[in-house]
Amino acid sequence: MSNTIGIILLCTGFLFNLFGCLGLIRLPDVYNRLQSATKCVTLGTCSILLSLLFFFGFSEIGVKALIAIPLLFFGATVAAHALIRGAYIFGVDLDKRSIKDDYKEQSDKDH
């Protein structure tokens, strides 16, 4: 039973990673690409790490995977936010098809 759950999580993680990579290719600007990569790849990698826990149990590998999940989850989201904010401050323009600019609204409130 745990092997079946592990295989399902592994396949789900692979699909999330695949969709994240496709988002890097298909999306129009750096902000959308980074969002796609962060969300999809983080969920995919966490799913793959969780599958290791089901395959190996609470052995050395499983515990390391369990510890890596929250580190990856929080580290990737903070790093993505810092990269996006830095790109915005540096002056990288949004795509012309973008509808809303939340950072501009926030900077208008600050000034």
Protein backbone atom coordinates (compact mmCIF):
# COMPACT_ATOMS: atom_id res chain seq x y z
CA MET A 1 0.00 0.00 0.00
CA SER A 2 2.76 2.47 0.85
CA ASN A 3 4.50 1.71 -2.47
CA THR A 4 1.29 2.61 -4.32
CA ILE A 5 1.00 5.92 -2.47
CA GLY A 6 4.70 6.56 -3.12
CA ILE A 7 4.29 5.95 -6.85
CA ILE A 8 1.23 8.23 -6.99
CA LEU A 9 3.12 11.01 -5.18
CA LEU A 10 6.16 10.50 -7.41
CA CYS A 11 4.07 10.77 -10.59
CA THR A 12 2.22 13.79 -9.22
CA GLY A 13 5.53 15.46 -8.41
CA PHE A 14 6.83 14.71 -11.87
CA LEU A 15 3.74 16.27 -13.45
CA PHE A 16 4.00 19.41 -11.29
CA ASN A 17 7.66 19.78 -12.26
CA LEU A 18 6.79 19.26 -15.92
CA PHE A 19 4.06 21.92 -15.81
CA GLY A 20 6.44 24.31 -14.05
CA CYS A 21 9.01 23.82 -16.80
CA LEU A 22 6.37 24.38 -19.47
CA GLY A 23 5.38 27.57 -17.68
CA LEU A 24 8.97 28.78 -17.93
CA ILE A 25 8.81 28.35 -21.69
CA ARG A 26 5.26 29.53 -22.40
CA LEU A 27 4.61 32.46 -20.06
CA PRO A 28 5.34 35.99 -21.31
CA ASP A 29 7.41 37.79 -18.68
CA VAL A 30 9.80 37.18 -15.80
CA TYR A 31 7.09 37.65 -13.15
CA ASN A 32 4.76 35.01 -14.57
CA ARG A 33 7.62 32.64 -15.27
CA LEU A 34 8.97 32.87 -11.76
CA GLN A 35 5.52 32.37 -10.27
CA SER A 36 4.99 29.27 -12.38
CA ALA A 37 8.39 27.88 -11.54
CA THR A 38 8.05 28.57 -7.84
CA LYS A 39 4.58 27.18 -7.31
CA CYS A 40 4.72 24.16 -9.58
CA VAL A 41 8.27 23.08 -8.94
CA THR A 42 8.00 23.60 -5.18
CA LEU A 43 4.86 21.47 -4.99
CA GLY A 44 6.36 18.91 -7.35
CA THR A 45 9.60 18.59 -5.46
CA CYS A 46 7.81 18.43 -2.10
CA SER A 47 5.61 15.67 -3.52
CA ILE A 48 8.66 13.74 -4.69
CA LEU A 49 10.30 14.15 -1.29
CA LEU A 50 7.12 12.94 0.40
CA SER A 51 7.12 9.91 -1.88
CA LEU A 52 10.60 9.08 -0.55
CA LEU A 53 9.11 8.94 2.93
CA PHE A 54 6.57 6.37 1.73
CA PHE A 55 9.21 4.33 -0.09
CA PHE A 56 11.85 4.29 2.66
CA GLY A 57 9.79 4.93 5.80
CA PHE A 58 11.33 6.69 8.76
CA SER A 59 14.86 5.66 7.84
CA GLU A 60 17.70 8.10 7.31
CA ILE A 61 16.49 8.96 3.79
CA GLY A 62 12.86 9.41 4.81
CA VAL A 63 13.66 11.69 7.73
CA LYS A 64 15.98 13.82 5.60
CA ALA A 65 13.23 14.15 2.99
CA LEU A 66 10.74 15.11 5.69
CA ILE A 67 13.11 17.80 7.00
CA ALA A 68 13.78 19.12 3.48
CA ILE A 69 10.09 19.70 2.67
CA PRO A 70 9.49 22.75 4.90
CA LEU A 71 12.96 24.12 4.17
CA LEU A 72 12.29 23.95 0.44
CA PHE A 73 8.76 25.29 0.78
CA PHE A 74 9.68 28.37 2.77
CA GLY A 75 13.04 28.97 1.11
CA ALA A 76 11.67 28.86 -2.42
CA THR A 77 8.77 31.21 -1.69
CA VAL A 78 10.97 33.78 0.06
CA ALA A 79 13.60 33.59 -2.69
CA ALA A 80 10.98 34.00 -5.43
CA HIS A 81 9.50 37.03 -3.68
CA ALA A 82 12.94 38.60 -3.34
CA LEU A 83 13.74 37.94 -7.02
CA ILE A 84 10.44 39.37 -8.23
CA ARG A 85 10.74 42.46 -6.03
CA GLY A 86 14.33 42.98 -7.17
CA ALA A 87 13.34 42.67 -10.82
CA TYR A 88 10.55 45.20 -10.28
CA ILE A 89 12.81 47.67 -8.49
CA PHE A 90 15.47 47.22 -11.18
CA GLY A 91 12.86 48.21 -13.79
CA VAL A 92 11.96 45.00 -15.61
CA ASP A 93 8.65 45.78 -17.33
CA LEU A 94 5.53 43.69 -17.11
CA ASP A 95 4.19 42.15 -20.28
CA LYS A 96 1.68 44.29 -22.17
CA ARG A 97 -0.97 41.60 -21.54
CA SER A 98 -0.62 41.89 -17.76
CA ILE A 99 -3.77 43.21 -16.16
CA LYS A 100 -2.78 44.30 -12.67
CA ASP A 101 0.39 45.72 -11.13
CA ASP A 102 0.21 45.16 -7.37
CA TYR A 103 3.69 46.52 -6.68
CA LYS A 104 2.86 49.84 -8.36
CA GLU A 105 -0.27 50.18 -6.23
CA GLN A 106 1.78 49.43 -3.09
CA SER A 107 4.55 51.91 -3.99
CA ASP A 108 1.92 54.61 -4.70
CA LYS A 109 0.53 54.10 -1.18
CA ASP A 110 4.02 54.36 0.34
CA HIS A 111 4.77 57.71 -1.28
